[in-house]
Amino acid sequence: MSDGITWYDVLGVLPSAPAGEIRRAYEDKVSQLGPGRISGAPAKVVGMAGRAARLLNDAWRALGDPAARERYDVLIGVKQPGSGLEAPRRNRPSLAGTFPRLFAGRAGMPQ
């Protein structure tokens, strides 16, 4: 992803989160975008929810599988290659937990 936002930020979890927490975060956020929640919403809101759902699915693909997560962690610098040890975190603020605020206030997106 660009702008320093990681898939962990999209799901609102820390890179050190266990697999179960990542799964719960994904399921919670997907349920917030379900058709029952946005039925009757303007087409623009439905489109934004669709884009948000695609982001969540991409995050799940990168973090849901342990091997894919390991490769992603090395790619973003959270872990050192082959060591299993966490590398020092980059000098950037964490956006964990900000997913709802990314879309809040945009054309009636549920808050």
PDB file of N, CA and C in Angstrom:
ATOM      1  N   MET A   1       0.844  -1.186   0.000  1.00  0.00           N
ATOM      2  CA  MET A   1       0.000   0.000   0.000  1.00  0.00           C
ATOM      3  C   MET A   1       0.882   1.239   0.000  1.00  0.00           C
ATOM      4  N   SER A   2       0.282   2.358  -0.309  1.00  0.00           N
ATOM      5  CA  SER A   2       1.047   3.597  -0.357  1.00  0.00           C
ATOM      6  C   SER A   2       0.750   4.449   0.874  1.00  0.00           C
ATOM      7  N   ASP A   3       1.440   5.564   0.951  1.00  0.00           N
ATOM      8  CA  ASP A   3       1.251   6.543   2.024  1.00  0.00           C
ATOM      9  C   ASP A   3       1.610   5.996   3.394  1.00  0.00           C
ATOM     10  N   GLY A   4       2.410   4.949   3.484  1.00  0.00           N
ATOM     11  CA  GLY A   4       2.830   4.422   4.771  1.00  0.00           C
ATOM     12  C   GLY A   4       1.750   3.658   5.518  1.00  0.00           C
ATOM     13  N   ILE A   5       0.628   3.398   4.890  1.00  0.00           N
ATOM     14  CA  ILE A   5      -0.448   2.642   5.528  1.00  0.00           C
ATOM     15  C   ILE A   5      -0.247   1.172   5.193  1.00  0.00           C
ATOM     16  N   THR A   6      -0.283   0.335   6.208  1.00  0.00           N
ATOM     17  CA  THR A   6      -0.079  -1.097   6.007  1.00  0.00           C
ATOM     18  C   THR A   6      -1.412  -1.826   6.098  1.00  0.00           C
ATOM     19  N   TRP A   7      -1.391  -3.111   5.747  1.00  0.00           N
ATOM     20  CA  TRP A   7      -2.614  -3.920   5.882  1.00  0.00           C
ATOM     21  C   TRP A   7      -3.005  -4.039   7.349  1.00  0.00           C
ATOM     22  N   TYR A   8      -2.036  -3.968   8.248  1.00  0.00           N
ATOM     23  CA  TYR A   8      -2.363  -3.988   9.676  1.00  0.00           C
ATOM     24  C   TYR A   8      -3.195  -2.762  10.046  1.00  0.00           C
ATOM     25  N   ASP A   9      -2.838  -1.618   9.469  1.00  0.00           N
ATOM     26  CA  ASP A   9      -3.589  -0.387   9.735  1.00  0.00           C
ATOM     27  C   ASP A   9      -5.015  -0.479   9.190  1.00  0.00           C
ATOM     28  N   VAL A  10      -5.169  -1.092   8.031  1.00  0.00           N
ATOM     29  CA  VAL A  10      -6.509  -1.248   7.443  1.00  0.00           C
ATOM     30  C   VAL A  10      -7.394  -2.070   8.370  1.00  0.00           C
ATOM     31  N   LEU A  11      -6.828  -3.133   8.949  1.00  0.00           N
ATOM     32  CA  LEU A  11      -7.608  -3.983   9.858  1.00  0.00           C
ATOM     33  C   LEU A  11      -7.678  -3.418  11.270  1.00  0.00           C
ATOM     34  N   GLY A  12      -6.841  -2.447  11.592  1.00  0.00           N
ATOM     35  CA  GLY A  12      -6.867  -1.841  12.920  1.00  0.00           C
ATOM     36  C   GLY A  12      -6.214  -2.698  13.982  1.00  0.00           C
ATOM     37  N   VAL A  13      -5.183  -3.443  13.617  1.00  0.00           N
ATOM     38  CA  VAL A  13      -4.449  -4.273  14.578  1.00  0.00           C
ATOM     39  C   VAL A  13      -2.966  -3.931  14.503  1.00  0.00           C
ATOM     40  N   LEU A  14      -2.230  -4.326  15.527  1.00  0.00           N
ATOM     41  CA  LEU A  14      -0.787  -4.134  15.537  1.00  0.00           C
ATOM     42  C   LEU A  14      -0.099  -5.294  14.832  1.00  0.00           C
ATOM     43  N   PRO A  15       1.104  -5.091  14.311  1.00  0.00           N
ATOM     44  CA  PRO A  15       1.826  -6.192  13.668  1.00  0.00           C
ATOM     45  C   PRO A  15       2.107  -7.365  14.601  1.00  0.00           C
ATOM     46  N   SER A  16       2.106  -7.139  15.884  1.00  0.00           N
ATOM     47  CA  SER A  16       2.364  -8.218  16.839  1.00  0.00           C
ATOM     48  C   SER A  16       1.087  -8.983  17.216  1.00  0.00           C
ATOM     49  N   ALA A  17      -0.038  -8.640  16.615  1.00  0.00           N
ATOM     50  CA  ALA A  17      -1.317  -9.281  16.946  1.00  0.00           C
ATOM     51  C   ALA A  17      -1.313 -10.755  16.548  1.00  0.00           C
ATOM     52  N   PRO A  18      -1.906 -11.609  17.386  1.00  0.00           N
ATOM     53  CA  PRO A  18      -2.008 -13.023  17.010  1.00  0.00           C
ATOM     54  C   PRO A  18      -3.006 -13.214  15.865  1.00  0.00           C
ATOM     55  N   ALA A  19      -2.930 -14.368  15.232  1.00  0.00           N
ATOM     56  CA  ALA A  19      -3.773 -14.659  14.076  1.00  0.00           C
ATOM     57  C   ALA A  19      -5.264 -14.551  14.404  1.00  0.00           C
ATOM     58  N   GLY A  20      -5.670 -14.984  15.594  1.00  0.00           N
ATOM     59  CA  GLY A  20      -7.077 -14.915  15.977  1.00  0.00           C
ATOM     60  C   GLY A  20      -7.593 -13.485  16.050  1.00  0.00           C
ATOM     61  N   GLU A  21      -6.752 -12.588  16.531  1.00  0.00           N
ATOM     62  CA  GLU A  21      -7.163 -11.186  16.620  1.00  0.00           C
ATOM     63  C   GLU A  21      -7.306 -10.573  15.222  1.00  0.00           C
ATOM     64  N   ILE A  22      -6.432 -10.961  14.317  1.00  0.00           N
ATOM     65  CA  ILE A  22      -6.515 -10.466  12.941  1.00  0.00           C
ATOM     66  C   ILE A  22      -7.799 -10.967  12.289  1.00  0.00           C
ATOM     67  N   ARG A  23      -8.122 -12.222  12.514  1.00  0.00           N
ATOM     68  CA  ARG A  23      -9.352 -12.788  11.940  1.00  0.00           C
ATOM     69  C   ARG A  23     -10.594 -12.082  12.489  1.00  0.00           C
ATOM     70  N   ARG A  24     -10.622 -11.842  13.809  1.00  0.00           N
ATOM     71  CA  ARG A  24     -11.770 -11.152  14.419  1.00  0.00           C
ATOM     72  C   ARG A  24     -11.906  -9.726  13.874  1.00  0.00           C
ATOM     73  N   ALA A  25     -10.778  -9.030  13.733  1.00  0.00           N
ATOM     74  CA  ALA A  25     -10.823  -7.659  13.209  1.00  0.00           C
ATOM     75  C   ALA A  25     -11.364  -7.647  11.785  1.00  0.00           C
ATOM     76  N   TYR A  26     -10.912  -8.600  10.975  1.00  0.00           N
ATOM     77  CA  TYR A  26     -11.396  -8.693   9.593  1.00  0.00           C
ATOM     78  C   TYR A  26     -12.898  -8.968   9.570  1.00  0.00           C
ATOM     79  N   GLU A  27     -13.347  -9.946  10.341  1.00  0.00           N
ATOM     80  CA  GLU A  27     -14.770 -10.299  10.343  1.00  0.00           C
ATOM     81  C   GLU A  27     -15.632  -9.150  10.863  1.00  0.00           C
ATOM     82  N   ASP A  28     -15.164  -8.448  11.888  1.00  0.00           N
ATOM     83  CA  ASP A  28     -15.920  -7.314  12.423  1.00  0.00           C
ATOM     84  C   ASP A  28     -16.084  -6.210  11.382  1.00  0.00           C
ATOM     85  N   LYS A  29     -15.011  -5.898  10.698  1.00  0.00           N
ATOM     86  CA  LYS A  29     -15.062  -4.810   9.721  1.00  0.00           C
ATOM     87  C   LYS A  29     -15.884  -5.198   8.489  1.00  0.00           C
ATOM     88  N   VAL A  30     -15.785  -6.448   8.066  1.00  0.00           N
ATOM     89  CA  VAL A  30     -16.589  -6.896   6.929  1.00  0.00           C
ATOM     90  C   VAL A  30     -18.070  -6.874   7.294  1.00  0.00           C
ATOM     91  N   SER A  31     -18.395  -7.248   8.538  1.00  0.00           N
ATOM     92  CA  SER A  31     -19.808  -7.234   8.935  1.00  0.00           C
ATOM     93  C   SER A  31     -20.361  -5.810   8.983  1.00  0.00           C
ATOM     94  N   GLN A  32     -19.513  -4.823   9.240  1.00  0.00           N
ATOM     95  CA  GLN A  32     -19.953  -3.428   9.241  1.00  0.00           C
ATOM     96  C   GLN A  32     -20.309  -2.948   7.834  1.00  0.00           C
ATOM     97  N   LEU A  33     -19.765  -3.619   6.829  1.00  0.00           N
ATOM     98  CA  LEU A  33     -20.014  -3.211   5.443  1.00  0.00           C
ATOM     99  C   LEU A  33     -21.020  -4.105   4.742  1.00  0.00           C
ATOM    100  N   GLY A  34     -21.675  -4.976   5.483  1.00  0.00           N
ATOM    101  CA  GLY A  34     -22.620  -5.917   4.893  1.00  0.00           C
ATOM    102  C   GLY A  34     -23.805  -5.231   4.241  1.00  0.00           C
ATOM    103  N   PRO A  35     -24.458  -5.935   3.319  1.00  0.00           N
ATOM    104  CA  PRO A  35     -25.590  -5.347   2.600  1.00  0.00           C
ATOM    105  C   PRO A  35     -26.714  -4.893   3.527  1.00  0.00           C
ATOM    106  N   GLY A  36     -26.934  -5.586   4.628  1.00  0.00           N
ATOM    107  CA  GLY A  36     -27.982  -5.191   5.557  1.00  0.00           C
ATOM    108  C   GLY A  36     -27.696  -3.869   6.231  1.00  0.00           C
ATOM    109  N   ARG A  37     -26.434  -3.549   6.388  1.00  0.00           N
ATOM    110  CA  ARG A  37     -26.046  -2.301   7.032  1.00  0.00           C
ATOM    111  C   ARG A  37     -26.154  -1.101   6.103  1.00  0.00           C
ATOM    112  N   ILE A  38     -25.964  -1.317   4.808  1.00  0.00           N
ATOM    113  CA  ILE A  38     -25.943  -0.174   3.890  1.00  0.00           C
ATOM    114  C   ILE A  38     -27.101  -0.187   2.902  1.00  0.00           C
ATOM    115  N   SER A  39     -28.095  -1.046   3.136  1.00  0.00           N
ATOM    116  CA  SER A  39     -29.232  -1.077   2.213  1.00  0.00           C
ATOM    117  C   SER A  39     -29.973   0.260   2.285  1.00  0.00           C
ATOM    118  N   GLY A  40     -30.366   0.743   1.152  1.00  0.00           N
ATOM    119  CA  GLY A  40     -31.068   2.014   1.094  1.00  0.00           C
ATOM    120  C   GLY A  40     -30.142   3.211   1.105  1.00  0.00           C
ATOM    121  N   ALA A  41     -28.853   2.978   1.160  1.00  0.00           N
ATOM    122  CA  ALA A  41     -27.891   4.078   1.157  1.00  0.00           C
ATOM    123  C   ALA A  41     -27.722   4.595  -0.274  1.00  0.00           C
ATOM    124  N   PRO A  42     -27.276   5.835  -0.405  1.00  0.00           N
ATOM    125  CA  PRO A  42     -27.025   6.373  -1.746  1.00  0.00           C
ATOM    126  C   PRO A  42     -25.971   5.534  -2.483  1.00  0.00           C
ATOM    127  N   ALA A  43     -26.028   5.575  -3.793  1.00  0.00           N
ATOM    128  CA  ALA A  43     -25.123   4.769  -4.619  1.00  0.00           C
ATOM    129  C   ALA A  43     -23.660   5.087  -4.324  1.00  0.00           C
ATOM    130  N   LYS A  44     -23.362   6.333  -4.010  1.00  0.00           N
ATOM    131  CA  LYS A  44     -21.980   6.715  -3.713  1.00  0.00           C
ATOM    132  C   LYS A  44     -21.475   6.001  -2.456  1.00  0.00           C
ATOM    133  N   VAL A  45     -22.329   5.880  -1.463  1.00  0.00           N
ATOM    134  CA  VAL A  45     -21.956   5.202  -0.225  1.00  0.00           C
ATOM    135  C   VAL A  45     -21.749   3.713  -0.480  1.00  0.00           C
ATOM    136  N   VAL A  46     -22.622   3.125  -1.274  1.00  0.00           N
ATOM    137  CA  VAL A  46     -22.493   1.705  -1.605  1.00  0.00           C
ATOM    138  C   VAL A  46     -21.189   1.468  -2.354  1.00  0.00           C
ATOM    139  N   GLY A  47     -20.826   2.372  -3.257  1.00  0.00           N
ATOM    140  CA  GLY A  47     -19.564   2.259  -3.979  1.00  0.00           C
ATOM    141  C   GLY A  47     -18.365   2.345  -3.057  1.00  0.00           C
ATOM    142  N   MET A  48     -18.420   3.271  -2.094  1.00  0.00           N
ATOM    143  CA  MET A  48     -17.329   3.400  -1.131  1.00  0.00           C
ATOM    144  C   MET A  48     -17.231   2.160  -0.258  1.00  0.00           C
ATOM    145  N   ALA A  49     -18.358   1.607   0.115  1.00  0.00           N
ATOM    146  CA  ALA A  49     -18.355   0.391   0.931  1.00  0.00           C
ATOM    147  C   ALA A  49     -17.758  -0.770   0.135  1.00  0.00           C
ATOM    148  N   GLY A  50     -18.029  -0.814  -1.152  1.00  0.00           N
ATOM    149  CA  GLY A  50     -17.443  -1.846  -2.000  1.00  0.00           C
ATOM    150  C   GLY A  50     -15.931  -1.728  -2.070  1.00  0.00           C
ATOM    151  N   ARG A  51     -15.443  -0.490  -2.203  1.00  0.00           N
ATOM    152  CA  ARG A  51     -13.996  -0.281  -2.228  1.00  0.00           C
ATOM    153  C   ARG A  51     -13.378  -0.645  -0.888  1.00  0.00           C
ATOM    154  N   ALA A  52     -14.042  -0.293   0.197  1.00  0.00           N
ATOM    155  CA  ALA A  52     -13.538  -0.635   1.532  1.00  0.00           C
ATOM    156  C   ALA A  52     -13.513  -2.155   1.709  1.00  0.00           C
ATOM    157  N   ALA A  53     -14.529  -2.848   1.206  1.00  0.00           N
ATOM    158  CA  ALA A  53     -14.562  -4.306   1.309  1.00  0.00           C
ATOM    159  C   ALA A  53     -13.420  -4.931   0.510  1.00  0.00           C
ATOM    160  N   ARG A  54     -13.109  -4.365  -0.643  1.00  0.00           N
ATOM    161  CA  ARG A  54     -11.974  -4.885  -1.427  1.00  0.00           C
ATOM    162  C   ARG A  54     -10.663  -4.681  -0.675  1.00  0.00           C
ATOM    163  N   LEU A  55     -10.501  -3.530  -0.019  1.00  0.00           N
ATOM    164  CA  LEU A  55      -9.307  -3.290   0.796  1.00  0.00           C
ATOM    165  C   LEU A  55      -9.203  -4.321   1.913  1.00  0.00           C
ATOM    166  N   LEU A  56     -10.328  -4.578   2.573  1.00  0.00           N
ATOM    167  CA  LEU A  56     -10.325  -5.566   3.660  1.00  0.00           C
ATOM    168  C   LEU A  56      -9.974  -6.956   3.145  1.00  0.00           C
ATOM    169  N   ASN A  57     -10.503  -7.322   1.991  1.00  0.00           N
ATOM    170  CA  ASN A  57     -10.190  -8.639   1.424  1.00  0.00           C
ATOM    171  C   ASN A  57      -8.719  -8.747   1.045  1.00  0.00           C
ATOM    172  N   ASP A  58      -8.146  -7.678   0.512  1.00  0.00           N
ATOM    173  CA  ASP A  58      -6.722  -7.683   0.192  1.00  0.00           C
ATOM    174  C   ASP A  58      -5.881  -7.808   1.464  1.00  0.00           C
ATOM    175  N   ALA A  59      -6.302  -7.107   2.515  1.00  0.00           N
ATOM    176  CA  ALA A  59      -5.590  -7.207   3.792  1.00  0.00           C
ATOM    177  C   ALA A  59      -5.672  -8.626   4.338  1.00  0.00           C
ATOM    178  N   TRP A  60      -6.830  -9.253   4.217  1.00  0.00           N
ATOM    179  CA  TRP A  60      -6.994 -10.621   4.709  1.00  0.00           C
ATOM    180  C   TRP A  60      -6.120 -11.589   3.912  1.00  0.00           C
ATOM    181  N   ARG A  61      -6.033 -11.374   2.582  1.00  0.00           N
ATOM    182  CA  ARG A  61      -5.171 -12.238   1.765  1.00  0.00           C
ATOM    183  C   ARG A  61      -3.709 -12.120   2.185  1.00  0.00           C
ATOM    184  N   ALA A  62      -3.286 -10.920   2.557  1.00  0.00           N
ATOM    185  CA  ALA A  62      -1.891 -10.704   2.940  1.00  0.00           C
ATOM    186  C   ALA A  62      -1.593 -11.185   4.356  1.00  0.00           C
ATOM    187  N   LEU A  63      -2.596 -11.146   5.248  1.00  0.00           N
ATOM    188  CA  LEU A  63      -2.337 -11.446   6.655  1.00  0.00           C
ATOM    189  C   LEU A  63      -2.998 -12.719   7.167  1.00  0.00           C
ATOM    190  N   GLY A  64      -3.963 -13.262   6.437  1.00  0.00           N
ATOM    191  CA  GLY A  64      -4.693 -14.436   6.910  1.00  0.00           C
ATOM    192  C   GLY A  64      -3.896 -15.723   6.832  1.00  0.00           C
ATOM    193  N   ASP A  65      -3.041 -15.847   5.854  1.00  0.00           N
ATOM    194  CA  ASP A  65      -2.214 -17.039   5.687  1.00  0.00           C
ATOM    195  C   ASP A  65      -0.871 -16.793   6.378  1.00  0.00           C
ATOM    196  N   PRO A  66      -0.435 -17.701   7.264  1.00  0.00           N
ATOM    197  CA  PRO A  66       0.821 -17.472   7.997  1.00  0.00           C
ATOM    198  C   PRO A  66       2.036 -17.260   7.095  1.00  0.00           C
ATOM    199  N   ALA A  67       2.134 -18.005   5.999  1.00  0.00           N
ATOM    200  CA  ALA A  67       3.286 -17.843   5.104  1.00  0.00           C
ATOM    201  C   ALA A  67       3.235 -16.484   4.391  1.00  0.00           C
ATOM    202  N   ALA A  68       2.053 -16.099   3.944  1.00  0.00           N
ATOM    203  CA  ALA A  68       1.909 -14.804   3.283  1.00  0.00           C
ATOM    204  C   ALA A  68       2.178 -13.670   4.272  1.00  0.00           C
ATOM    205  N   ARG A  69       1.738 -13.837   5.502  1.00  0.00           N
ATOM    206  CA  ARG A  69       1.976 -12.817   6.523  1.00  0.00           C
ATOM    207  C   ARG A  69       3.467 -12.675   6.803  1.00  0.00           C
ATOM    208  N   GLU A  70       4.169 -13.787   6.862  1.00  0.00           N
ATOM    209  CA  GLU A  70       5.617 -13.752   7.092  1.00  0.00           C
ATOM    210  C   GLU A  70       6.320 -12.978   5.978  1.00  0.00           C
ATOM    211  N   ARG A  71       5.947 -13.262   4.723  1.00  0.00           N
ATOM    212  CA  ARG A  71       6.541 -12.548   3.588  1.00  0.00           C
ATOM    213  C   ARG A  71       6.207 -11.058   3.648  1.00  0.00           C
ATOM    214  N   TYR A  72       4.972 -10.737   4.021  1.00  0.00           N
ATOM    215  CA  TYR A  72       4.563  -9.334   4.103  1.00  0.00           C
ATOM    216  C   TYR A  72       5.317  -8.616   5.224  1.00  0.00           C
ATOM    217  N   ASP A  73       5.474  -9.266   6.359  1.00  0.00           N
ATOM    218  CA  ASP A  73       6.204  -8.660   7.475  1.00  0.00           C
ATOM    219  C   ASP A  73       7.642  -8.340   7.083  1.00  0.00           C
ATOM    220  N   VAL A  74       8.276  -9.230   6.333  1.00  0.00           N
ATOM    221  CA  VAL A  74       9.643  -8.972   5.858  1.00  0.00           C
ATOM    222  C   VAL A  74       9.624  -7.808   4.862  1.00  0.00           C
ATOM    223  N   LEU A  75       8.624  -7.785   3.996  1.00  0.00           N
ATOM    224  CA  LEU A  75       8.518  -6.747   2.984  1.00  0.00           C
ATOM    225  C   LEU A  75       8.400  -5.356   3.597  1.00  0.00           C
ATOM    226  N   ILE A  76       7.592  -5.214   4.639  1.00  0.00           N
ATOM    227  CA  ILE A  76       7.388  -3.885   5.236  1.00  0.00           C
ATOM    228  C   ILE A  76       8.398  -3.589   6.337  1.00  0.00           C
ATOM    229  N   GLY A  77       9.253  -4.553   6.659  1.00  0.00           N
ATOM    230  CA  GLY A  77      10.305  -4.305   7.633  1.00  0.00           C
ATOM    231  C   GLY A  77       9.920  -4.577   9.072  1.00  0.00           C
ATOM    232  N   VAL A  78       8.836  -5.295   9.308  1.00  0.00           N
ATOM    233  CA  VAL A  78       8.431  -5.626  10.674  1.00  0.00           C
ATOM    234  C   VAL A  78       9.278  -6.777  11.214  1.00  0.00           C
ATOM    235  N   LYS A  79       9.665  -7.697  10.334  1.00  0.00           N
ATOM    236  CA  LYS A  79      10.522  -8.821  10.718  1.00  0.00           C
ATOM    237  C   LYS A  79      11.731  -8.881   9.811  1.00  0.00           C
ATOM    238  N   GLN A  80      12.800  -9.430  10.366  1.00  0.00           N
ATOM    239  CA  GLN A  80      14.005  -9.622   9.578  1.00  0.00           C
ATOM    240  C   GLN A  80      13.888 -10.939   8.824  1.00  0.00           C
ATOM    241  N   PRO A  81      14.396 -11.006   7.604  1.00  0.00           N
ATOM    242  CA  PRO A  81      14.266 -12.227   6.810  1.00  0.00           C
ATOM    243  C   PRO A  81      14.874 -13.443   7.490  1.00  0.00           C
ATOM    244  N   GLY A  82      14.095 -14.502   7.611  1.00  0.00           N
ATOM    245  CA  GLY A  82      14.575 -15.775   8.111  1.00  0.00           C
ATOM    246  C   GLY A  82      14.829 -15.873   9.590  1.00  0.00           C
ATOM    247  N   SER A  83      14.756 -14.775  10.331  1.00  0.00           N
ATOM    248  CA  SER A  83      15.104 -14.833  11.746  1.00  0.00           C
ATOM    249  C   SER A  83      13.906 -15.102  12.637  1.00  0.00           C
ATOM    250  N   GLY A  84      12.734 -14.694  12.199  1.00  0.00           N
ATOM    251  CA  GLY A  84      11.552 -14.824  13.037  1.00  0.00           C
ATOM    252  C   GLY A  84      11.495 -13.751  14.113  1.00  0.00           C
ATOM    253  N   LEU A  85      12.525 -12.902  14.188  1.00  0.00           N
ATOM    254  CA  LEU A  85      12.559 -11.824  15.171  1.00  0.00           C
ATOM    255  C   LEU A  85      11.996 -10.553  14.563  1.00  0.00           C
ATOM    256  N   GLU A  86      11.324  -9.793  15.388  1.00  0.00           N
ATOM    257  CA  GLU A  86      10.777  -8.546  14.882  1.00  0.00           C
ATOM    258  C   GLU A  86      11.883  -7.514  14.717  1.00  0.00           C
ATOM    259  N   ALA A  87      11.852  -6.808  13.618  1.00  0.00           N
ATOM    260  CA  ALA A  87      12.796  -5.719  13.380  1.00  0.00           C
ATOM    261  C   ALA A  87      12.279  -4.470  14.092  1.00  0.00           C
ATOM    262  N   PRO A  88      13.133  -3.499  14.297  1.00  0.00           N
ATOM    263  CA  PRO A  88      12.653  -2.255  14.907  1.00  0.00           C
ATOM    264  C   PRO A  88      11.575  -1.622  14.042  1.00  0.00           C
ATOM    265  N   ARG A  89      10.555  -1.085  14.686  1.00  0.00           N
ATOM    266  CA  ARG A  89       9.453  -0.468  13.961  1.00  0.00           C
ATOM    267  C   ARG A  89       9.923   0.812  13.302  1.00  0.00           C
ATOM    268  N   ARG A  90       9.430   1.070  12.113  1.00  0.00           N
ATOM    269  CA  ARG A  90       9.799   2.278  11.390  1.00  0.00           C
ATOM    270  C   ARG A  90       9.367   3.513  12.166  1.00  0.00           C
ATOM    271  N   ASN A  91       9.983   4.613  11.844  1.00  0.00           N
ATOM    272  CA  ASN A  91       9.643   5.872  12.485  1.00  0.00           C
ATOM    273  C   ASN A  91       8.418   6.484  11.821  1.00  0.00           C
ATOM    274  N   ARG A  92       7.275   5.974  12.147  1.00  0.00           N
ATOM    275  CA  ARG A  92       6.023   6.536  11.649  1.00  0.00           C
ATOM    276  C   ARG A  92       4.948   6.236  12.675  1.00  0.00           C
ATOM    277  N   PRO A  93       3.989   7.108  12.805  1.00  0.00           N
ATOM    278  CA  PRO A  93       2.927   6.836  13.766  1.00  0.00           C
ATOM    279  C   PRO A  93       2.061   5.675  13.298  1.00  0.00           C
ATOM    280  N   SER A  94       1.569   4.923  14.242  1.00  0.00           N
ATOM    281  CA  SER A  94       0.692   3.811  13.905  1.00  0.00           C
ATOM    282  C   SER A  94      -0.702   4.343  13.601  1.00  0.00           C
ATOM    283  N   LEU A  95      -1.335   3.747  12.601  1.00  0.00           N
ATOM    284  CA  LEU A  95      -2.706   4.107  12.274  1.00  0.00           C
ATOM    285  C   LEU A  95      -3.671   3.025  12.722  1.00  0.00           C
ATOM    286  N   ALA A  96      -3.204   2.145  13.614  1.00  0.00           N
ATOM    287  CA  ALA A  96      -4.038   1.044  14.084  1.00  0.00           C
ATOM    288  C   ALA A  96      -5.316   1.590  14.703  1.00  0.00           C
ATOM    289  N   GLY A  97      -6.427   1.040  14.311  1.00  0.00           N
ATOM    290  CA  GLY A  97      -7.716   1.438  14.865  1.00  0.00           C
ATOM    291  C   GLY A  97      -8.356   2.618  14.162  1.00  0.00           C
ATOM    292  N   THR A  98      -7.767   3.117  13.073  1.00  0.00           N
ATOM    293  CA  THR A  98      -8.318   4.297  12.424  1.00  0.00           C
ATOM    294  C   THR A  98      -9.180   3.970  11.217  1.00  0.00           C
ATOM    295  N   PHE A  99      -9.390   2.703  10.912  1.00  0.00           N
ATOM    296  CA  PHE A  99     -10.148   2.341   9.708  1.00  0.00           C
ATOM    297  C   PHE A  99     -11.502   3.052   9.632  1.00  0.00           C
ATOM    298  N   PRO A 100     -12.313   3.032  10.694  1.00  0.00           N
ATOM    299  CA  PRO A 100     -13.613   3.706  10.569  1.00  0.00           C
ATOM    300  C   PRO A 100     -13.472   5.203  10.302  1.00  0.00           C
ATOM    301  N   ARG A 101     -12.421   5.826  10.837  1.00  0.00           N
ATOM    302  CA  ARG A 101     -12.261   7.261  10.628  1.00  0.00           C
ATOM    303  C   ARG A 101     -11.815   7.585   9.216  1.00  0.00           C
ATOM    304  N   LEU A 102     -11.230   6.626   8.511  1.00  0.00           N
ATOM    305  CA  LEU A 102     -10.806   6.885   7.137  1.00  0.00           C
ATOM    306  C   LEU A 102     -11.994   7.197   6.241  1.00  0.00           C
ATOM    307  N   PHE A 103     -13.135   6.590   6.530  1.00  0.00           N
ATOM    308  CA  PHE A 103     -14.305   6.767   5.686  1.00  0.00           C
ATOM    309  C   PHE A 103     -15.417   7.553   6.365  1.00  0.00           C
ATOM    310  N   ALA A 104     -15.249   7.892   7.622  1.00  0.00           N
ATOM    311  CA  ALA A 104     -16.302   8.595   8.357  1.00  0.00           C
ATOM    312  C   ALA A 104     -16.525   9.977   7.766  1.00  0.00           C
ATOM    313  N   GLY A 105     -17.776  10.353   7.675  1.00  0.00           N
ATOM    314  CA  GLY A 105     -18.131  11.674   7.219  1.00  0.00           C
ATOM    315  C   GLY A 105     -18.109  11.846   5.709  1.00  0.00           C
ATOM    316  N   ARG A 106     -17.850  10.794   4.972  1.00  0.00           N
ATOM    317  CA  ARG A 106     -17.831  10.889   3.514  1.00  0.00           C
ATOM    318  C   ARG A 106     -19.156  10.395   2.953  1.00  0.00           C
ATOM    319  N   ALA A 107     -19.922  11.293   2.471  1.00  0.00           N
ATOM    320  CA  ALA A 107     -21.187  10.988   1.782  1.00  0.00           C
ATOM    321  C   ALA A 107     -22.051  10.011   2.559  1.00  0.00           C
ATOM    322  N   GLY A 108     -22.200  10.234   3.832  1.00  0.00           N
ATOM    323  CA  GLY A 108     -23.103   9.417   4.646  1.00  0.00           C
ATOM    324  C   GLY A 108     -22.577   8.062   5.018  1.00  0.00           C
ATOM    325  N   MET A 109     -21.279   7.842   4.952  1.00  0.00           N
ATOM    326  CA  MET A 109     -20.703   6.550   5.345  1.00  0.00           C
ATOM    327  C   MET A 109     -20.990   6.327   6.813  1.00  0.00           C
ATOM    328  N   PRO A 110     -21.458   5.144   7.205  1.00  0.00           N
ATOM    329  CA  PRO A 110     -21.790   4.899   8.610  1.00  0.00           C
ATOM    330  C   PRO A 110     -20.556   5.084   9.493  1.00  0.00           C
ATOM    331  N   GLN A 111     -20.780   5.662  10.661  1.00  0.00           N
ATOM    332  CA  GLN A 111     -19.653   5.941  11.567  1.00  0.00           C
ATOM    333  C   GLN A 111     -19.577   4.972  12.689  1.00  0.00           C
TER     334      GLN A 111
END
